[in-house]
N, C-alpha and C. Protein backbone atom coordinates (compact mmCIF):
# COMPACT_ATOMS: atom_id res chain seq x y z
N MET A 1 349.69 52.33 -163.76
CA MET A 1 348.55 51.50 -163.20
C MET A 1 348.36 53.85 -162.58
N LYS A 2 347.04 53.76 -163.61
CA LYS A 2 345.97 54.54 -163.23
C LYS A 2 345.36 54.56 -161.27
N ARG A 3 345.65 54.95 -160.62
CA ARG A 3 344.89 55.09 -159.84
C ARG A 3 343.70 56.29 -159.60
N LEU A 4 342.84 56.58 -159.13
CA LEU A 4 341.09 56.83 -158.93
C LEU A 4 341.29 57.17 -157.97
N VAL A 5 339.87 57.83 -158.24
CA VAL A 5 340.46 59.11 -156.90
C VAL A 5 339.22 58.19 -155.95
N LYS A 6 338.31 57.27 -156.42
CA LYS A 6 337.90 56.27 -155.39
C LYS A 6 338.48 55.60 -154.81
N ASP A 7 339.64 55.20 -155.57
CA ASP A 7 341.07 53.91 -154.25
C ASP A 7 340.91 55.15 -153.48
N LEU A 8 341.71 56.46 -152.98
CA LEU A 8 342.64 56.31 -152.72
C LEU A 8 341.01 57.72 -150.94
N MET A 9 340.16 58.00 -151.73
CA MET A 9 339.54 58.93 -150.87
C MET A 9 339.22 58.87 -149.37
N THR A 10 338.73 59.56 -148.29
CA THR A 10 337.88 58.93 -147.64
C THR A 10 336.66 59.83 -147.53
N GLU A 11 335.78 59.36 -146.24
CA GLU A 11 334.64 59.86 -146.42
C GLU A 11 334.59 61.26 -145.16
N LYS A 12 335.99 61.15 -144.54
CA LYS A 12 335.99 62.06 -143.56
C LYS A 12 335.75 63.80 -144.16
N PHE A 13 334.68 65.24 -143.69
CA PHE A 13 335.64 66.13 -144.25
C PHE A 13 334.68 67.13 -143.01
N VAL A 14 335.56 67.95 -143.44
CA VAL A 14 334.46 69.49 -142.86
C VAL A 14 333.53 69.75 -143.35
N ARG A 15 332.80 69.52 -142.51
CA ARG A 15 331.65 71.03 -143.28
C ARG A 15 330.74 71.94 -142.77
N ILE A 16 330.69 73.22 -143.25
CA ILE A 16 330.54 74.81 -142.62
C ILE A 16 329.21 75.03 -143.94
N GLY A 17 328.50 75.09 -143.22
CA GLY A 17 327.15 75.41 -143.95
C GLY A 17 327.21 77.41 -143.96
N GLU A 18 326.60 77.25 -145.80
CA GLU A 18 327.29 78.60 -146.29
C GLU A 18 326.78 80.18 -145.84
N LYS A 19 325.34 79.79 -144.36
CA LYS A 19 325.39 80.47 -144.10
C LYS A 19 325.21 81.40 -141.94
N ASP A 20 326.52 79.55 -141.87
CA ASP A 20 326.82 80.19 -140.76
C ASP A 20 327.83 81.12 -140.77
N LEU A 21 327.43 81.12 -139.57
CA LEU A 21 328.67 82.59 -139.27
C LEU A 21 330.05 82.33 -139.18
N ILE A 22 330.76 83.58 -139.71
CA ILE A 22 331.99 83.15 -139.54
C ILE A 22 332.74 82.83 -138.73
N CYS A 23 332.45 83.46 -137.39
CA CYS A 23 332.88 83.36 -135.84
C CYS A 23 332.60 81.37 -135.76
N VAL A 24 331.48 80.54 -136.74
CA VAL A 24 331.24 79.36 -135.98
C VAL A 24 332.63 78.59 -136.72
N ALA A 25 332.42 79.44 -138.28
CA ALA A 25 333.85 78.72 -139.08
C ALA A 25 334.93 78.67 -138.38
N LEU A 26 335.18 79.24 -137.87
CA LEU A 26 336.80 80.13 -136.92
C LEU A 26 336.53 78.23 -135.53
N GLU A 27 335.68 77.56 -135.22
CA GLU A 27 335.92 77.02 -134.21
C GLU A 27 335.21 75.76 -134.99
N THR A 28 335.10 75.65 -136.37
CA THR A 28 334.38 74.56 -136.67
C THR A 28 336.29 73.88 -136.76
N LEU A 29 337.15 74.93 -137.64
CA LEU A 29 338.30 74.35 -138.20
C LEU A 29 339.19 74.29 -136.47
N ALA A 30 339.35 74.89 -135.73
CA ALA A 30 339.82 74.86 -133.92
C ALA A 30 339.03 73.43 -133.97
N GLU A 31 337.91 73.53 -133.75
CA GLU A 31 337.82 71.54 -133.51
C GLU A 31 338.97 70.74 -133.80
N ASP A 32 339.53 70.42 -135.13
CA ASP A 32 340.45 69.46 -136.39
C ASP A 32 341.58 70.00 -136.89
N PRO A 33 342.35 71.41 -135.97
CA PRO A 33 343.95 71.49 -137.05
C PRO A 33 344.25 70.92 -137.70
N GLU A 34 344.55 69.29 -138.26
CA GLU A 34 345.22 69.09 -139.31
C GLU A 34 344.36 68.92 -140.65
N THR A 35 342.92 70.46 -139.76
CA THR A 35 341.46 70.45 -140.94
C THR A 35 342.61 71.59 -142.02
N MET A 36 342.92 71.34 -143.55
CA MET A 36 343.62 72.69 -144.49
C MET A 36 342.64 72.99 -145.53
N VAL A 37 341.47 72.63 -146.04
CA VAL A 37 340.01 73.02 -145.89
C VAL A 37 338.90 72.51 -145.87
N ALA A 38 337.90 73.20 -145.14
CA ALA A 38 336.76 72.55 -144.82
C ALA A 38 335.68 72.64 -146.12
N CYS A 39 335.07 72.83 -146.66
CA CYS A 39 333.93 72.75 -147.48
C CYS A 39 332.63 72.76 -147.01
N VAL A 40 332.22 73.78 -147.51
CA VAL A 40 331.37 75.23 -147.96
C VAL A 40 330.08 74.75 -148.78
N VAL A 41 328.35 74.35 -147.92
CA VAL A 41 327.60 73.92 -148.35
C VAL A 41 326.52 74.37 -147.78
N ASP A 42 325.58 73.86 -149.10
CA ASP A 42 324.11 74.54 -149.32
C ASP A 42 323.42 73.15 -147.59
N GLU A 43 321.28 74.01 -147.94
CA GLU A 43 320.88 73.05 -147.16
C GLU A 43 321.82 71.08 -147.34
N ALA A 44 321.57 71.23 -149.07
CA ALA A 44 320.98 70.04 -149.95
C ALA A 44 322.65 69.12 -149.50
N ASP A 45 323.70 69.80 -149.19
CA ASP A 45 325.24 69.04 -149.13
C ASP A 45 326.00 69.33 -149.97
N ARG A 46 325.48 70.53 -150.91
CA ARG A 46 326.27 70.23 -152.54
C ARG A 46 327.41 70.92 -152.22
N LEU A 47 328.33 71.74 -152.66
CA LEU A 47 329.28 72.14 -152.48
C LEU A 47 329.29 74.10 -153.16
N LYS A 48 329.71 74.52 -152.65
CA LYS A 48 329.30 75.67 -152.47
C LYS A 48 330.51 76.23 -152.24
N GLY A 49 331.15 75.98 -151.93
CA GLY A 49 332.84 76.84 -152.11
C GLY A 49 334.03 76.56 -151.03
N LEU A 50 335.40 76.83 -150.55
CA LEU A 50 336.14 76.24 -149.31
C LEU A 50 336.28 77.40 -148.36
N ILE A 51 336.66 77.25 -147.52
CA ILE A 51 337.52 78.03 -146.29
C ILE A 51 338.55 77.03 -146.05
N THR A 52 339.32 77.99 -146.00
CA THR A 52 341.05 77.16 -145.56
C THR A 52 341.56 78.53 -144.95
N PRO A 53 342.58 77.03 -143.94
CA PRO A 53 343.20 78.59 -142.87
C PRO A 53 343.16 79.47 -143.56
N LYS A 54 343.95 79.77 -144.11
CA LYS A 54 344.56 81.51 -144.93
C LYS A 54 343.78 82.44 -145.26
N GLY A 55 342.97 81.46 -145.78
CA GLY A 55 341.54 82.86 -145.60
C GLY A 55 341.06 83.27 -144.56
N LEU A 56 341.04 82.48 -143.43
CA LEU A 56 340.09 82.68 -141.78
C LEU A 56 341.19 83.73 -141.63
N LEU A 57 342.73 82.85 -141.72
CA LEU A 57 343.16 84.20 -141.00
C LEU A 57 343.77 85.49 -141.88
N LYS A 58 343.32 85.73 -143.09
CA LYS A 58 343.09 86.94 -143.83
C LYS A 58 341.73 87.36 -143.23
N ALA A 59 341.05 87.40 -142.26
CA ALA A 59 339.64 87.83 -141.72
C ALA A 59 339.87 87.82 -141.17
N VAL A 60 340.66 86.83 -139.93
CA VAL A 60 340.83 87.80 -138.68
C VAL A 60 341.98 88.86 -138.65
N GLY A 61 343.20 88.55 -139.08
CA GLY A 61 344.31 88.83 -139.77
C GLY A 61 343.94 91.43 -139.35
N VAL A 62 342.83 91.27 -140.32
CA VAL A 62 342.04 92.82 -140.73
C VAL A 62 341.46 92.80 -140.02
N ARG A 63 340.43 91.59 -139.83
CA ARG A 63 339.34 92.33 -138.76
C ARG A 63 339.78 93.10 -137.19
N GLU A 64 340.88 91.67 -136.56
CA GLU A 64 341.17 91.95 -135.01
C GLU A 64 342.61 92.69 -135.01
N TYR A 65 343.11 92.08 -135.26
CA TYR A 65 344.00 93.37 -135.18
C TYR A 65 344.57 94.34 -136.33
N GLY A 66 344.33 94.79 -137.87
CA GLY A 66 344.51 95.99 -138.40
C GLY A 66 345.08 95.74 -139.38
N THR A 67 345.94 93.84 -138.86
CA THR A 67 346.52 93.15 -141.05
C THR A 67 346.36 93.92 -142.11
N ILE A 68 346.99 94.32 -142.53
CA ILE A 68 347.35 95.04 -144.15
C ILE A 68 348.22 94.45 -144.45
N ARG A 69 348.28 93.12 -145.52
CA ARG A 69 349.75 93.14 -145.65
C ARG A 69 350.18 93.35 -147.62
N TYR A 70 350.69 94.26 -148.14
CA TYR A 70 350.87 94.23 -150.05
C TYR A 70 351.25 92.95 -150.05
N PRO A 71 351.69 92.49 -151.11
CA PRO A 71 349.85 92.30 -152.21
C PRO A 71 349.09 91.78 -152.20
N PHE A 72 348.41 91.43 -150.72
CA PHE A 72 347.63 90.15 -150.23
C PHE A 72 346.23 91.15 -150.46
N PHE A 73 346.26 92.33 -150.99
CA PHE A 73 344.68 92.72 -149.72
C PHE A 73 345.32 94.57 -150.63
N GLU A 74 344.13 95.07 -150.68
CA GLU A 74 343.67 96.24 -152.19
C GLU A 74 342.41 96.49 -151.23
N GLY A 75 342.31 98.33 -151.02
CA GLY A 75 341.25 99.16 -150.88
C GLY A 75 339.41 97.74 -150.35
N PRO A 76 338.81 97.53 -151.14
CA PRO A 76 337.58 97.16 -151.05
C PRO A 76 337.84 95.21 -150.82
N GLU A 77 338.81 94.77 -151.21
CA GLU A 77 338.81 93.71 -150.08
C GLU A 77 339.07 93.85 -149.00
N VAL A 78 339.62 94.61 -148.89
CA VAL A 78 339.21 95.31 -146.98
C VAL A 78 338.19 95.80 -146.28
N LEU A 79 337.51 96.19 -147.07
CA LEU A 79 336.45 96.61 -146.61
C LEU A 79 335.46 95.89 -146.74
N HIS A 80 335.85 94.46 -147.73
CA HIS A 80 334.64 93.36 -147.92
C HIS A 80 334.76 92.43 -146.46
N LEU A 81 336.02 92.07 -146.35
CA LEU A 81 336.63 91.54 -145.54
C LEU A 81 336.33 92.30 -143.03
N LEU A 82 336.15 93.94 -143.78
CA LEU A 82 335.59 93.48 -142.54
C LEU A 82 334.37 94.09 -141.98
N THR A 83 333.05 93.33 -142.84
CA THR A 83 332.38 93.65 -143.10
C THR A 83 331.17 92.69 -143.11
N SER A 84 331.85 91.54 -143.37
CA SER A 84 331.97 90.34 -143.40
C SER A 84 330.76 89.62 -142.86
N LYS A 85 330.82 88.71 -142.35
CA LYS A 85 329.33 88.46 -141.39
C LYS A 85 329.59 86.84 -141.54
N TYR A 86 329.34 86.02 -142.25
CA TYR A 86 328.54 85.33 -142.71
C TYR A 86 329.81 84.12 -143.70
N VAL A 87 329.92 83.11 -143.61
CA VAL A 87 330.45 82.10 -144.48
C VAL A 87 330.90 81.98 -146.43
N GLN A 88 329.64 82.38 -146.44
CA GLN A 88 329.93 83.46 -148.15
C GLN A 88 330.21 83.83 -147.91
N GLU A 89 330.05 84.83 -147.67
CA GLU A 89 330.69 86.04 -147.93
C GLU A 89 332.22 85.78 -147.77
N ILE A 90 333.38 84.85 -147.47
CA ILE A 90 334.09 84.83 -147.59
C ILE A 90 334.48 83.94 -147.62
N MET A 91 333.49 83.09 -148.14
CA MET A 91 334.55 82.23 -149.07
C MET A 91 335.09 81.62 -150.30
N SER A 92 336.04 80.32 -151.14
CA SER A 92 336.84 81.21 -152.15
C SER A 92 335.51 79.81 -152.75
N ALA A 93 335.82 79.99 -153.97
CA ALA A 93 335.08 79.51 -155.26
C ALA A 93 335.53 77.15 -154.98
N PRO A 94 334.06 76.52 -155.73
CA PRO A 94 334.22 75.66 -155.21
C PRO A 94 335.63 74.57 -155.94
N ILE A 95 336.30 73.82 -155.98
CA ILE A 95 337.18 73.25 -156.23
C ILE A 95 336.64 72.33 -155.87
N SER A 96 336.77 70.34 -156.48
CA SER A 96 335.90 69.24 -157.04
C SER A 96 336.60 68.58 -157.22
N VAL A 97 336.54 67.71 -157.21
CA VAL A 97 336.80 66.43 -158.76
C VAL A 97 336.39 65.36 -157.96
N LYS A 98 335.54 64.44 -159.11
CA LYS A 98 334.79 63.52 -158.67
C LYS A 98 335.79 62.09 -158.62
N ALA A 99 334.55 61.44 -157.84
CA ALA A 99 335.39 59.83 -157.57
C ALA A 99 335.67 58.55 -158.89
N ASP A 100 335.48 59.07 -160.22
CA ASP A 100 335.77 58.48 -161.55
C ASP A 100 337.11 59.20 -161.78
N ASP A 101 337.43 60.59 -161.70
CA ASP A 101 338.61 61.01 -162.06
C ASP A 101 339.82 61.09 -161.26
N GLU A 102 341.43 61.22 -162.03
CA GLU A 102 341.75 60.31 -161.56
C GLU A 102 343.19 60.85 -160.75
N ILE A 103 343.71 60.72 -159.92
CA ILE A 103 344.66 61.08 -158.71
C ILE A 103 345.65 62.17 -159.52
N ALA A 104 345.79 61.92 -160.73
CA ALA A 104 347.24 63.11 -161.34
C ALA A 104 345.84 64.16 -161.16
N LYS A 105 344.59 64.71 -161.35
CA LYS A 105 344.23 65.33 -161.58
C LYS A 105 344.17 66.11 -159.86
N VAL A 106 344.03 65.13 -158.95
CA VAL A 106 344.70 65.93 -157.54
C VAL A 106 345.24 66.56 -156.90
N ILE A 107 346.63 65.70 -157.96
CA ILE A 107 347.97 66.46 -157.73
C ILE A 107 348.29 67.35 -158.55
N ASP A 108 347.13 68.25 -159.18
CA ASP A 108 347.86 68.92 -160.38
C ASP A 108 346.81 69.92 -159.30
N ILE A 109 345.38 69.59 -159.05
CA ILE A 109 345.24 71.34 -157.87
C ILE A 109 346.43 71.96 -156.98
N MET A 110 346.59 70.14 -156.40
CA MET A 110 347.00 70.56 -155.44
C MET A 110 348.40 71.91 -155.16
N LEU A 111 348.73 71.55 -156.27
CA LEU A 111 349.86 71.88 -157.04
C LEU A 111 349.68 73.17 -157.20
N ASP A 112 348.96 73.56 -157.82
CA ASP A 112 348.43 75.14 -158.80
C ASP A 112 347.56 75.24 -157.63
N GLU A 113 346.89 74.72 -156.52
CA GLU A 113 346.49 75.67 -155.01
C GLU A 113 347.03 75.43 -154.36
N GLY A 114 347.65 74.46 -154.16
CA GLY A 114 348.68 75.11 -152.77
C GLY A 114 347.59 74.08 -151.53
N PHE A 115 346.79 73.43 -152.02
CA PHE A 115 346.05 73.23 -151.32
C PHE A 115 346.70 71.69 -150.48
N TYR A 116 346.35 71.17 -149.87
CA TYR A 116 346.56 69.61 -149.20
C TYR A 116 345.53 69.26 -149.61
N GLU A 117 344.40 69.29 -149.05
CA GLU A 117 343.03 68.79 -149.46
C GLU A 117 342.23 68.92 -150.68
N VAL A 118 341.73 67.97 -151.57
CA VAL A 118 340.56 68.19 -152.41
C VAL A 118 339.63 67.18 -152.36
N PRO A 119 338.33 67.87 -152.46
CA PRO A 119 336.94 67.81 -151.45
C PRO A 119 336.76 66.79 -153.07
N VAL A 120 335.78 65.15 -153.01
CA VAL A 120 335.13 65.06 -153.78
C VAL A 120 333.60 65.04 -153.94
N VAL A 121 333.38 64.96 -155.57
CA VAL A 121 331.68 65.75 -155.00
C VAL A 121 331.32 63.83 -155.60
N ASP A 122 329.94 64.57 -155.81
CA ASP A 122 329.31 63.47 -156.39
C ASP A 122 328.64 64.71 -157.86
N GLU A 123 328.14 63.58 -159.23
CA GLU A 123 327.15 64.53 -160.00
C GLU A 123 326.65 65.69 -160.05
N GLU A 124 325.51 65.59 -158.75
CA GLU A 124 325.47 66.94 -158.25
C GLU A 124 325.48 68.26 -157.43
N GLY A 125 326.85 67.73 -157.36
CA GLY A 125 327.99 68.49 -156.15
C GLY A 125 327.46 67.90 -155.11
N ARG A 126 327.55 66.98 -154.57
CA ARG A 126 326.90 67.14 -153.49
C ARG A 126 328.79 66.12 -152.60
N VAL A 127 329.11 66.65 -151.86
CA VAL A 127 330.35 66.52 -151.91
C VAL A 127 330.83 64.72 -150.64
N LEU A 128 330.98 64.17 -151.03
CA LEU A 128 331.81 62.94 -150.66
C LEU A 128 332.63 62.27 -149.00
N GLY A 129 333.34 62.65 -149.88
CA GLY A 129 334.55 63.59 -149.00
C GLY A 129 335.66 63.62 -149.74
N GLU A 130 336.93 62.52 -148.57
CA GLU A 130 337.90 64.25 -149.96
C GLU A 130 339.16 63.15 -149.70
N VAL A 131 340.34 63.90 -150.83
CA VAL A 131 341.20 62.81 -150.34
C VAL A 131 342.48 63.96 -150.52
N HIS A 132 343.33 63.34 -149.47
CA HIS A 132 344.47 64.01 -148.33
C HIS A 132 345.59 64.17 -148.96
N PHE A 133 346.84 64.34 -149.55
CA PHE A 133 347.98 63.99 -149.68
C PHE A 133 348.65 63.54 -148.67
N PHE A 134 348.24 63.01 -148.09
CA PHE A 134 348.48 61.62 -146.89
C PHE A 134 348.53 60.87 -147.97
N GLY A 135 347.32 59.95 -148.14
CA GLY A 135 347.10 59.31 -148.78
C GLY A 135 347.93 59.17 -150.06
N ILE A 136 347.15 59.65 -150.64
CA ILE A 136 348.54 60.12 -152.26
C ILE A 136 350.13 59.40 -151.59
N ILE A 137 350.99 60.01 -150.91
CA ILE A 137 351.81 59.61 -150.45
C ILE A 137 352.02 58.00 -149.97
N LEU A 138 350.88 57.89 -149.16
CA LEU A 138 351.49 56.57 -148.64
C LEU A 138 350.74 55.66 -149.56
N SER A 139 349.53 56.19 -151.29
CA SER A 139 349.89 55.43 -151.71
C SER A 139 351.33 54.86 -152.90
N ALA A 140 351.78 55.81 -153.10
CA ALA A 140 352.28 56.19 -153.94
C ALA A 140 353.78 55.63 -153.69
N SER A 141 354.03 55.07 -151.70
CA SER A 141 354.87 54.86 -151.33
C SER A 141 355.24 53.10 -151.71
N GLU A 142 354.06 52.33 -151.70
CA GLU A 142 353.00 51.12 -151.68
C GLU A 142 354.28 50.27 -152.64
N THR A 143 353.99 52.16 -153.84
CA THR A 143 354.55 50.83 -155.00
C THR A 143 355.59 51.43 -155.93
N LEU A 144 356.50 51.88 -155.53
CA LEU A 144 357.61 52.73 -155.64
C LEU A 144 358.77 51.70 -155.48
N ASP A 145 359.34 51.22 -155.74
CA ASP A 145 360.45 50.78 -156.27
C ASP A 145 361.71 51.09 -155.39
N ARG A 146 361.95 49.51 -153.53
CA ARG A 146 362.86 49.91 -152.91
C ARG A 146 364.61 49.47 -152.82
N GLU A 147 364.77 49.47 -154.21
CA GLU A 147 365.79 49.16 -154.25
C GLU A 147 367.35 50.86 -154.31
């Protein structure tokens, strides 16, 4: 039986405005330490990008602690991180699925991108919720043969 995203998605997700200050994103993610992906949205709640704890840690590491790790950083990226002020300047590209996509697509994204959560969007790109890897694992455990 093929499972669809809408069968396992939750409406819970962390929303950050693309024009929010980076410090606001840090505070927002700190409020929910279980969050592994925050959705960066515009005024119409359309997904514009993603913020991950790893992405924020890179920015904080460079700006606050002078941490520059090869092969992660090159000159232009360090300068960019040092001068960035807004979320839209450090967010990664949007990655998402639609409610009618198969769960296999979510698993591929999680494995390829290293994400534990994937945003779910509608046809206009507005965020509806997310699929979390725990939901996928729990769903599979219900159907696996326990012999």
